[in-house]
Amino acid sequence: MSPAYVVRRIGFYVLICAITLFFAVPMLWIASAPFDASPGLGVRWPDWTLDNVRKTLDHPYALHSMVNSLLICVTTAVAVTAFAALASYALSRVRIPGRDALLYGLLLLSSVVTGTAAMVPIFVMMFQLGLIDSRFGVALVMTGGLLPAAIFILKDFVDAVPKSYEESARVFGASTTQILRDVVLPVARPGLATILVWAFVNSWGNFLVPFLLIRSIDKQPGAVLLQTFTDEGGSANLSVIPVFSLLFSIPVVVLYLLVNSRYGFRFHGGIKS
């Protein structure tokens, strides 16, 4: 091995270690700070205690905000998955003039016109619909924002389902609804699982939409309530924030592990006909 090769390999492994450390430090902090009697912003061996957990559970809105997050995110994830399945099947099987241009146009607009840029018209529309301070209104806005990308991803899974399966079902008298429900969707279940988790994670960590649309503190999800955890001096309450952050991460991790163990994750379809 030449000296240049050795230097490149050493540099490569140093870079990998630096990147790993960059992502590992926050994980170590969130695992240790909740049980530290004097938590700080650095990572150190904790002075073990459960007082921080008790303070967090005694907070009047901490657990209730988790319920609000679950209501909003489950509604959003189910709606995105259901509507994306219907739209992707239609775009895959029905020959619509300009279909590909429409699909790419929706994806491009959803990427260029971000939620931040569209917040003023969205707020006005929600106000006119009477959905300000409504968890359903928040879920509706999030569903609309996630649908274009979800349709784009899921269409690839539907395209991979052989049309011969549908033709065989039609021979036995199956309707279009039965074909979609009993033939296409079961084959595309890994794609549905991917979209479900993807939509849940994106809505779970969304701060801007509920922050602007929800006024009552008892309706705020955890992502919004987190920024209210301060002490008497206005500083971040490091006794409550680490515990709440740990609790806030659990539903996403559990959902990922459950779905991944059953279906796995991929962003493309594929099946042998």
C-alpha atoms as a PDB file:
ATOM      1  CA  MET A   1       0.000   0.000   0.000  1.00  0.00           C
ATOM      2  CA  SER A   2       1.255   3.435  -0.937  1.00  0.00           C
ATOM      3  CA  PRO A   3       1.509   6.252   1.655  1.00  0.00           C
ATOM      4  CA  ALA A   4      -1.144   8.241  -0.226  1.00  0.00           C
ATOM      5  CA  TYR A   5      -3.587   5.334   0.055  1.00  0.00           C
ATOM      6  CA  VAL A   6      -2.957   5.017   3.796  1.00  0.00           C
ATOM      7  CA  VAL A   7      -3.495   8.747   4.290  1.00  0.00           C
ATOM      8  CA  ARG A   8      -6.777   8.601   2.339  1.00  0.00           C
ATOM      9  CA  ARG A   9      -8.033   5.665   4.394  1.00  0.00           C
ATOM     10  CA  ILE A  10      -7.101   7.361   7.675  1.00  0.00           C
ATOM     11  CA  GLY A  11      -8.823  10.561   6.558  1.00  0.00           C
ATOM     12  CA  PHE A  12     -11.895   8.584   5.537  1.00  0.00           C
ATOM     13  CA  TYR A  13     -12.205   6.845   8.912  1.00  0.00           C
ATOM     14  CA  VAL A  14     -11.568  10.103  10.792  1.00  0.00           C
ATOM     15  CA  LEU A  15     -14.390  11.713   8.819  1.00  0.00           C
ATOM     16  CA  ILE A  16     -16.723   8.793   9.562  1.00  0.00           C
ATOM     17  CA  CYS A  17     -15.881   8.979  13.275  1.00  0.00           C
ATOM     18  CA  ALA A  18     -16.509  12.734  13.318  1.00  0.00           C
ATOM     19  CA  ILE A  19     -19.900  12.342  11.623  1.00  0.00           C
ATOM     20  CA  THR A  20     -20.846   9.504  13.988  1.00  0.00           C
ATOM     21  CA  LEU A  21     -19.851  11.581  16.990  1.00  0.00           C
ATOM     22  CA  PHE A  22     -21.835  14.540  15.673  1.00  0.00           C
ATOM     23  CA  PHE A  23     -25.028  12.457  15.668  1.00  0.00           C
ATOM     24  CA  ALA A  24     -24.202  10.406  18.769  1.00  0.00           C
ATOM     25  CA  VAL A  25     -23.755  13.325  21.176  1.00  0.00           C
ATOM     26  CA  PRO A  26     -27.430  14.435  21.064  1.00  0.00           C
ATOM     27  CA  MET A  27     -28.513  10.825  21.524  1.00  0.00           C
ATOM     28  CA  LEU A  28     -26.245  10.434  24.552  1.00  0.00           C
ATOM     29  CA  TRP A  29     -27.589  13.675  25.989  1.00  0.00           C
ATOM     30  CA  ILE A  30     -31.224  12.678  25.593  1.00  0.00           C
ATOM     31  CA  ALA A  31     -30.461   9.308  27.215  1.00  0.00           C
ATOM     32  CA  SER A  32     -28.588  10.707  30.232  1.00  0.00           C
ATOM     33  CA  ALA A  33     -29.932  14.210  30.970  1.00  0.00           C
ATOM     34  CA  PRO A  34     -33.456  13.076  32.014  1.00  0.00           C
ATOM     35  CA  PHE A  35     -31.939  11.156  34.937  1.00  0.00           C
ATOM     36  CA  ASP A  36     -29.364  13.755  35.979  1.00  0.00           C
ATOM     37  CA  ALA A  37     -29.977  15.725  39.182  1.00  0.00           C
ATOM     38  CA  SER A  38     -28.306  18.780  37.620  1.00  0.00           C
ATOM     39  CA  PRO A  39     -28.760  18.462  33.854  1.00  0.00           C
ATOM     40  CA  GLY A  40     -26.877  20.815  31.573  1.00  0.00           C
ATOM     41  CA  LEU A  41     -26.244  21.284  27.879  1.00  0.00           C
ATOM     42  CA  GLY A  42     -23.182  19.028  27.916  1.00  0.00           C
ATOM     43  CA  VAL A  43     -22.866  15.258  28.048  1.00  0.00           C
ATOM     44  CA  ARG A  44     -21.580  13.785  31.290  1.00  0.00           C
ATOM     45  CA  TRP A  45     -22.161  10.842  33.584  1.00  0.00           C
ATOM     46  CA  PRO A  46     -25.466  11.648  35.326  1.00  0.00           C
ATOM     47  CA  ASP A  47     -26.080  12.006  39.032  1.00  0.00           C
ATOM     48  CA  TRP A  48     -28.948   9.536  38.939  1.00  0.00           C
ATOM     49  CA  THR A  49     -32.393  10.699  40.043  1.00  0.00           C
ATOM     50  CA  LEU A  50     -36.042  10.371  39.024  1.00  0.00           C
ATOM     51  CA  ASP A  51     -37.072  13.836  40.197  1.00  0.00           C
ATOM     52  CA  ASN A  52     -37.012  15.152  36.627  1.00  0.00           C
ATOM     53  CA  VAL A  53     -39.455  12.457  35.543  1.00  0.00           C
ATOM     54  CA  ARG A  54     -41.786  13.354  38.417  1.00  0.00           C
ATOM     55  CA  LYS A  55     -41.653  17.063  37.538  1.00  0.00           C
ATOM     56  CA  THR A  56     -42.479  16.323  33.909  1.00  0.00           C
ATOM     57  CA  LEU A  57     -45.392  14.040  34.757  1.00  0.00           C
ATOM     58  CA  ASP A  58     -46.708  16.664  37.193  1.00  0.00           C
ATOM     59  CA  HIS A  59     -46.771  19.311  34.450  1.00  0.00           C
ATOM     60  CA  PRO A  60     -50.456  20.071  33.708  1.00  0.00           C
ATOM     61  CA  TYR A  61     -50.103  19.893  29.914  1.00  0.00           C
ATOM     62  CA  ALA A  62     -47.133  17.608  29.204  1.00  0.00           C
ATOM     63  CA  LEU A  63     -48.954  14.301  28.800  1.00  0.00           C
ATOM     64  CA  HIS A  64     -52.038  15.968  27.330  1.00  0.00           C
ATOM     65  CA  SER A  65     -49.896  17.486  24.588  1.00  0.00           C
ATOM     66  CA  MET A  66     -48.664  14.002  23.710  1.00  0.00           C
ATOM     67  CA  VAL A  67     -52.281  12.915  23.242  1.00  0.00           C
ATOM     68  CA  ASN A  68     -52.873  15.950  21.025  1.00  0.00           C
ATOM     69  CA  SER A  69     -49.828  15.020  18.950  1.00  0.00           C
ATOM     70  CA  LEU A  70     -51.084  11.468  18.543  1.00  0.00           C
ATOM     71  CA  LEU A  71     -54.553  12.649  17.468  1.00  0.00           C
ATOM     72  CA  ILE A  72     -53.158  15.046  14.882  1.00  0.00           C
ATOM     73  CA  CYS A  73     -50.486  12.704  13.551  1.00  0.00           C
ATOM     74  CA  VAL A  74     -52.625   9.577  13.358  1.00  0.00           C
ATOM     75  CA  THR A  75     -55.325  11.525  11.513  1.00  0.00           C
ATOM     76  CA  THR A  76     -52.757  12.997   9.134  1.00  0.00           C
ATOM     77  CA  ALA A  77     -50.950   9.712   8.496  1.00  0.00           C
ATOM     78  CA  VAL A  78     -54.152   7.758   7.833  1.00  0.00           C
ATOM     79  CA  ALA A  79     -55.570  10.476   5.563  1.00  0.00           C
ATOM     80  CA  VAL A  80     -52.336  10.845   3.577  1.00  0.00           C
ATOM     81  CA  THR A  81     -52.003   7.077   3.146  1.00  0.00           C
ATOM     82  CA  ALA A  82     -55.641   6.616   2.096  1.00  0.00           C
ATOM     83  CA  PHE A  83     -55.792   9.512  -0.372  1.00  0.00           C
ATOM     84  CA  ALA A  84     -52.341   8.747  -1.772  1.00  0.00           C
ATOM     85  CA  ALA A  85     -53.374   5.125  -2.397  1.00  0.00           C
ATOM     86  CA  LEU A  86     -56.476   6.195  -4.343  1.00  0.00           C
ATOM     87  CA  ALA A  87     -54.681   8.907  -6.316  1.00  0.00           C
ATOM     88  CA  SER A  88     -51.625   6.783  -7.119  1.00  0.00           C
ATOM     89  CA  TYR A  89     -53.820   3.936  -8.392  1.00  0.00           C
ATOM     90  CA  ALA A  90     -55.758   6.313 -10.622  1.00  0.00           C
ATOM     91  CA  LEU A  91     -52.603   7.935 -11.987  1.00  0.00           C
ATOM     92  CA  SER A  92     -51.023   4.531 -12.562  1.00  0.00           C
ATOM     93  CA  ARG A  93     -53.888   2.815 -14.323  1.00  0.00           C
ATOM     94  CA  VAL A  94     -55.940   5.553 -16.001  1.00  0.00           C
ATOM     95  CA  ARG A  95     -54.486   7.124 -19.120  1.00  0.00           C
ATOM     96  CA  ILE A  96     -54.935  10.830 -18.406  1.00  0.00           C
ATOM     97  CA  PRO A  97     -53.482  13.366 -20.901  1.00  0.00           C
ATOM     98  CA  GLY A  98     -50.572  15.135 -19.250  1.00  0.00           C
ATOM     99  CA  ARG A  99     -50.516  12.677 -16.353  1.00  0.00           C
ATOM    100  CA  ASP A 100     -46.765  12.705 -15.841  1.00  0.00           C
ATOM    101  CA  ALA A 101     -46.592  16.493 -16.181  1.00  0.00           C
ATOM    102  CA  LEU A 102     -49.349  16.812 -13.570  1.00  0.00           C
ATOM    103  CA  LEU A 103     -47.552  14.506 -11.166  1.00  0.00           C
ATOM    104  CA  TYR A 104     -44.198  16.219 -11.507  1.00  0.00           C
ATOM    105  CA  GLY A 105     -45.883  19.629 -11.352  1.00  0.00           C
ATOM    106  CA  LEU A 106     -47.548  18.790  -8.036  1.00  0.00           C
ATOM    107  CA  LEU A 107     -44.283  17.500  -6.628  1.00  0.00           C
ATOM    108  CA  LEU A 108     -42.385  20.574  -7.840  1.00  0.00           C
ATOM    109  CA  LEU A 109     -44.950  23.022  -6.453  1.00  0.00           C
ATOM    110  CA  SER A 110     -45.034  21.242  -3.099  1.00  0.00           C
ATOM    111  CA  SER A 111     -41.238  21.547  -2.910  1.00  0.00           C
ATOM    112  CA  VAL A 112     -40.915  25.135  -4.127  1.00  0.00           C
ATOM    113  CA  VAL A 113     -43.925  26.598  -2.319  1.00  0.00           C
ATOM    114  CA  THR A 114     -43.012  25.568   1.210  1.00  0.00           C
ATOM    115  CA  GLY A 115     -45.273  25.710   4.248  1.00  0.00           C
ATOM    116  CA  THR A 116     -43.563  28.886   5.423  1.00  0.00           C
ATOM    117  CA  ALA A 117     -44.253  30.700   2.146  1.00  0.00           C
ATOM    118  CA  ALA A 118     -47.900  29.572   2.064  1.00  0.00           C
ATOM    119  CA  MET A 119     -48.735  30.221   5.704  1.00  0.00           C
ATOM    120  CA  VAL A 120     -50.557  33.524   5.149  1.00  0.00           C
ATOM    121  CA  PRO A 121     -53.068  32.174   2.579  1.00  0.00           C
ATOM    122  CA  ILE A 122     -53.416  28.974   4.583  1.00  0.00           C
ATOM    123  CA  PHE A 123     -54.200  30.959   7.741  1.00  0.00           C
ATOM    124  CA  VAL A 124     -56.774  33.071   5.888  1.00  0.00           C
ATOM    125  CA  MET A 125     -58.394  29.952   4.410  1.00  0.00           C
ATOM    126  CA  MET A 126     -58.546  28.201   7.792  1.00  0.00           C
ATOM    127  CA  PHE A 127     -60.009  31.355   9.350  1.00  0.00           C
ATOM    128  CA  GLN A 128     -62.748  31.499   6.710  1.00  0.00           C
ATOM    129  CA  LEU A 129     -63.515  27.818   7.258  1.00  0.00           C
ATOM    130  CA  GLY A 130     -63.703  28.304  11.021  1.00  0.00           C
ATOM    131  CA  LEU A 131     -60.860  25.859  11.657  1.00  0.00           C
ATOM    132  CA  ILE A 132     -58.586  28.125  13.690  1.00  0.00           C
ATOM    133  CA  ASP A 133     -57.793  26.518  17.059  1.00  0.00           C
ATOM    134  CA  SER A 134     -58.861  23.144  15.682  1.00  0.00           C
ATOM    135  CA  ARG A 135     -56.753  19.996  15.708  1.00  0.00           C
ATOM    136  CA  PHE A 136     -58.692  18.783  12.664  1.00  0.00           C
ATOM    137  CA  GLY A 137     -57.685  21.954  10.815  1.00  0.00           C
ATOM    138  CA  VAL A 138     -54.021  21.301  11.606  1.00  0.00           C
ATOM    139  CA  ALA A 139     -54.309  17.719  10.350  1.00  0.00           C
ATOM    140  CA  LEU A 140     -56.058  18.964   7.187  1.00  0.00           C
ATOM    141  CA  VAL A 141     -53.261  21.416   6.371  1.00  0.00           C
ATOM    142  CA  MET A 142     -50.566  18.818   7.030  1.00  0.00           C
ATOM    143  CA  THR A 143     -52.379  16.287   4.846  1.00  0.00           C
ATOM    144  CA  GLY A 144     -52.510  18.710   1.943  1.00  0.00           C
ATOM    145  CA  GLY A 145     -48.822  19.486   2.284  1.00  0.00           C
ATOM    146  CA  LEU A 146     -47.697  15.853   2.368  1.00  0.00           C
ATOM    147  CA  LEU A 147     -49.990  14.417  -0.315  1.00  0.00           C
ATOM    148  CA  PRO A 148     -48.044  15.356  -3.491  1.00  0.00           C
ATOM    149  CA  ALA A 149     -44.836  13.647  -2.380  1.00  0.00           C
ATOM    150  CA  ALA A 150     -46.790  10.685  -0.989  1.00  0.00           C
ATOM    151  CA  ILE A 151     -48.575  10.173  -4.316  1.00  0.00           C
ATOM    152  CA  PHE A 152     -45.270  10.406  -6.178  1.00  0.00           C
ATOM    153  CA  ILE A 153     -43.652   7.762  -3.965  1.00  0.00           C
ATOM    154  CA  LEU A 154     -46.610   5.389  -3.806  1.00  0.00           C
ATOM    155  CA  LYS A 155     -47.277   5.476  -7.549  1.00  0.00           C
ATOM    156  CA  ASP A 156     -44.014   3.605  -8.104  1.00  0.00           C
ATOM    157  CA  PHE A 157     -45.258   0.762  -5.901  1.00  0.00           C
ATOM    158  CA  VAL A 158     -48.572   0.611  -7.761  1.00  0.00           C
ATOM    159  CA  ASP A 159     -46.801   0.658 -11.138  1.00  0.00           C
ATOM    160  CA  ALA A 160     -44.854  -2.436 -10.020  1.00  0.00           C
ATOM    161  CA  VAL A 161     -48.049  -4.478  -9.509  1.00  0.00           C
ATOM    162  CA  PRO A 162     -48.494  -6.591 -12.689  1.00  0.00           C
ATOM    163  CA  LYS A 163     -51.655  -5.752 -14.601  1.00  0.00           C
ATOM    164  CA  SER A 164     -52.161  -9.465 -15.191  1.00  0.00           C
ATOM    165  CA  TYR A 165     -53.249  -9.747 -11.552  1.00  0.00           C
ATOM    166  CA  GLU A 166     -56.031  -7.252 -12.165  1.00  0.00           C
ATOM    167  CA  GLU A 167     -57.044  -8.880 -15.441  1.00  0.00           C
ATOM    168  CA  SER A 168     -57.344 -12.238 -13.687  1.00  0.00           C
ATOM    169  CA  ALA A 169     -59.524 -10.656 -11.002  1.00  0.00           C
ATOM    170  CA  ARG A 170     -61.769  -9.043 -13.624  1.00  0.00           C
ATOM    171  CA  VAL A 171     -62.253 -12.429 -15.314  1.00  0.00           C
ATOM    172  CA  PHE A 172     -63.816 -13.633 -12.055  1.00  0.00           C
ATOM    173  CA  GLY A 173     -66.087 -10.576 -11.888  1.00  0.00           C
ATOM    174  CA  ALA A 174     -64.213  -8.381  -9.424  1.00  0.00           C
ATOM    175  CA  SER A 175     -65.080  -4.693  -9.445  1.00  0.00           C
ATOM    176  CA  THR A 176     -62.524  -1.889  -9.531  1.00  0.00           C
ATOM    177  CA  THR A 177     -62.978  -1.328  -5.802  1.00  0.00           C
ATOM    178  CA  GLN A 178     -62.439  -5.019  -5.074  1.00  0.00           C
ATOM    179  CA  ILE A 179     -59.340  -5.093  -7.273  1.00  0.00           C
ATOM    180  CA  LEU A 180     -57.864  -2.109  -5.476  1.00  0.00           C
ATOM    181  CA  ARG A 181     -58.709  -3.474  -2.034  1.00  0.00           C
ATOM    182  CA  ASP A 182     -57.940  -7.170  -2.505  1.00  0.00           C
ATOM    183  CA  VAL A 183     -55.256  -7.221  -5.214  1.00  0.00           C
ATOM    184  CA  VAL A 184     -53.317  -3.968  -5.559  1.00  0.00           C
ATOM    185  CA  LEU A 185     -53.115  -2.698  -1.982  1.00  0.00           C
ATOM    186  CA  PRO A 186     -52.021  -6.022  -0.419  1.00  0.00           C
ATOM    187  CA  VAL A 187     -49.133  -6.221  -2.887  1.00  0.00           C
ATOM    188  CA  ALA A 188     -48.235  -2.570  -2.259  1.00  0.00           C
ATOM    189  CA  ARG A 189     -48.305  -2.896   1.546  1.00  0.00           C
ATOM    190  CA  PRO A 190     -44.583  -2.067   1.966  1.00  0.00           C
ATOM    191  CA  GLY A 191     -45.233   1.185   0.142  1.00  0.00           C
ATOM    192  CA  LEU A 192     -48.273   1.935   2.294  1.00  0.00           C
ATOM    193  CA  ALA A 193     -46.219   1.246   5.416  1.00  0.00           C
ATOM    194  CA  THR A 194     -43.467   3.558   4.187  1.00  0.00           C
ATOM    195  CA  ILE A 195     -45.933   6.378   3.496  1.00  0.00           C
ATOM    196  CA  LEU A 196     -47.674   5.836   6.832  1.00  0.00           C
ATOM    197  CA  VAL A 197     -44.468   6.178   8.852  1.00  0.00           C
ATOM    198  CA  TRP A 198     -43.157   8.995   6.666  1.00  0.00           C
ATOM    199  CA  ALA A 199     -46.357  11.017   7.085  1.00  0.00           C
ATOM    200  CA  PHE A 200     -46.478  10.336  10.823  1.00  0.00           C
ATOM    201  CA  VAL A 201     -42.880  11.439  11.372  1.00  0.00           C
ATOM    202  CA  ASN A 202     -43.276  14.596   9.289  1.00  0.00           C
ATOM    203  CA  SER A 203     -46.406  15.662  11.148  1.00  0.00           C
ATOM    204  CA  TRP A 204     -45.062  14.580  14.560  1.00  0.00           C
ATOM    205  CA  GLY A 205     -42.191  17.035  14.431  1.00  0.00           C
ATOM    206  CA  ASN A 206     -44.093  19.832  12.674  1.00  0.00           C
ATOM    207  CA  PHE A 207     -43.924  23.040  14.702  1.00  0.00           C
ATOM    208  CA  LEU A 208     -45.003  25.849  12.386  1.00  0.00           C
ATOM    209  CA  VAL A 209     -48.516  24.721  11.389  1.00  0.00           C
ATOM    210  CA  PRO A 210     -49.900  23.983  14.892  1.00  0.00           C
ATOM    211  CA  PHE A 211     -48.061  27.016  16.296  1.00  0.00           C
ATOM    212  CA  LEU A 212     -49.939  29.320  13.909  1.00  0.00           C
ATOM    213  CA  LEU A 213     -53.341  27.618  13.891  1.00  0.00           C
ATOM    214  CA  ILE A 214     -53.827  26.527  17.510  1.00  0.00           C
ATOM    215  CA  ARG A 215     -54.482  29.129  20.183  1.00  0.00           C
ATOM    216  CA  SER A 216     -55.505  27.091  23.236  1.00  0.00           C
ATOM    217  CA  ILE A 217     -52.654  25.611  25.239  1.00  0.00           C
ATOM    218  CA  ASP A 218     -54.715  22.524  26.060  1.00  0.00           C
ATOM    219  CA  LYS A 219     -54.898  21.726  22.303  1.00  0.00           C
ATOM    220  CA  GLN A 220     -51.227  22.266  21.525  1.00  0.00           C
ATOM    221  CA  PRO A 221     -49.169  19.230  20.422  1.00  0.00           C
ATOM    222  CA  GLY A 222     -45.869  18.383  22.050  1.00  0.00           C
ATOM    223  CA  ALA A 223     -43.740  20.066  19.369  1.00  0.00           C
ATOM    224  CA  VAL A 224     -45.342  23.422  20.226  1.00  0.00           C
ATOM    225  CA  LEU A 225     -45.595  22.946  23.974  1.00  0.00           C
ATOM    226  CA  LEU A 226     -41.877  22.162  24.177  1.00  0.00           C
ATOM    227  CA  GLN A 227     -40.928  25.802  23.561  1.00  0.00           C
ATOM    228  CA  THR A 228     -42.971  26.889  26.616  1.00  0.00           C
ATOM    229  CA  PHE A 229     -40.850  24.903  29.091  1.00  0.00           C
ATOM    230  CA  THR A 230     -39.010  27.753  30.816  1.00  0.00           C
ATOM    231  CA  ASP A 231     -38.233  28.594  34.429  1.00  0.00           C
ATOM    232  CA  GLU A 232     -39.052  31.783  36.335  1.00  0.00           C
ATOM    233  CA  GLY A 233     -36.146  33.620  34.722  1.00  0.00           C
ATOM    234  CA  GLY A 234     -37.174  32.708  31.179  1.00  0.00           C
ATOM    235  CA  SER A 235     -34.352  30.217  30.669  1.00  0.00           C
ATOM    236  CA  ALA A 236     -34.887  26.725  29.317  1.00  0.00           C
ATOM    237  CA  ASN A 237     -36.129  24.375  32.019  1.00  0.00           C
ATOM    238  CA  LEU A 238     -33.540  21.618  31.767  1.00  0.00           C
ATOM    239  CA  SER A 239     -35.333  19.541  34.387  1.00  0.00           C
ATOM    240  CA  VAL A 240     -38.393  19.045  32.177  1.00  0.00           C
ATOM    241  CA  ILE A 241     -37.127  19.392  28.601  1.00  0.00           C
ATOM    242  CA  PRO A 242     -34.865  16.274  28.569  1.00  0.00           C
ATOM    243  CA  VAL A 243     -37.567  13.998  29.990  1.00  0.00           C
ATOM    244  CA  PHE A 244     -40.225  15.385  27.671  1.00  0.00           C
ATOM    245  CA  SER A 245     -37.872  15.045  24.693  1.00  0.00           C
ATOM    246  CA  LEU A 246     -37.238  11.409  25.592  1.00  0.00           C
ATOM    247  CA  LEU A 247     -40.972  10.702  25.891  1.00  0.00           C
ATOM    248  CA  PHE A 248     -41.642  12.623  22.689  1.00  0.00           C
ATOM    249  CA  SER A 249     -39.246  10.417  20.713  1.00  0.00           C
ATOM    250  CA  ILE A 250     -40.693   7.095  21.874  1.00  0.00           C
ATOM    251  CA  PRO A 251     -43.826   6.891  19.624  1.00  0.00           C
ATOM    252  CA  VAL A 252     -41.821   7.511  16.449  1.00  0.00           C
ATOM    253  CA  VAL A 253     -39.171   4.934  17.355  1.00  0.00           C
ATOM    254  CA  VAL A 254     -41.780   2.325  18.315  1.00  0.00           C
ATOM    255  CA  LEU A 255     -43.760   2.879  15.106  1.00  0.00           C
ATOM    256  CA  TYR A 256     -40.629   2.598  12.987  1.00  0.00           C
ATOM    257  CA  LEU A 257     -39.509  -0.626  14.679  1.00  0.00           C
ATOM    258  CA  LEU A 258     -42.951  -2.229  14.402  1.00  0.00           C
ATOM    259  CA  VAL A 259     -43.476  -1.374  10.745  1.00  0.00           C
ATOM    260  CA  ASN A 260     -39.893  -2.123   9.751  1.00  0.00           C
ATOM    261  CA  SER A 261     -39.985  -5.538  11.401  1.00  0.00           C
ATOM    262  CA  ARG A 262     -43.124  -6.463   9.464  1.00  0.00           C
ATOM    263  CA  TYR A 263     -42.748  -4.765   6.090  1.00  0.00           C
ATOM    264  CA  GLY A 264     -39.336  -3.140   5.859  1.00  0.00           C
ATOM    265  CA  PHE A 265     -38.760   0.213   4.195  1.00  0.00           C
ATOM    266  CA  ARG A 266     -38.005   1.083   0.602  1.00  0.00           C
ATOM    267  CA  PHE A 267     -38.963   3.932  -1.694  1.00  0.00           C
ATOM    268  CA  HIS A 268     -39.538   1.926  -4.839  1.00  0.00           C
ATOM    269  CA  GLY A 269     -41.794  -0.940  -5.791  1.00  0.00           C
ATOM    270  CA  GLY A 270     -40.816  -4.232  -7.285  1.00  0.00           C
ATOM    271  CA  ILE A 271     -42.385  -7.646  -7.907  1.00  0.00           C
ATOM    272  CA  LYS A 272     -41.853 -10.513 -10.293  1.00  0.00           C
ATOM    273  CA  SER A 273     -44.797 -11.131 -12.548  1.00  0.00           C
END
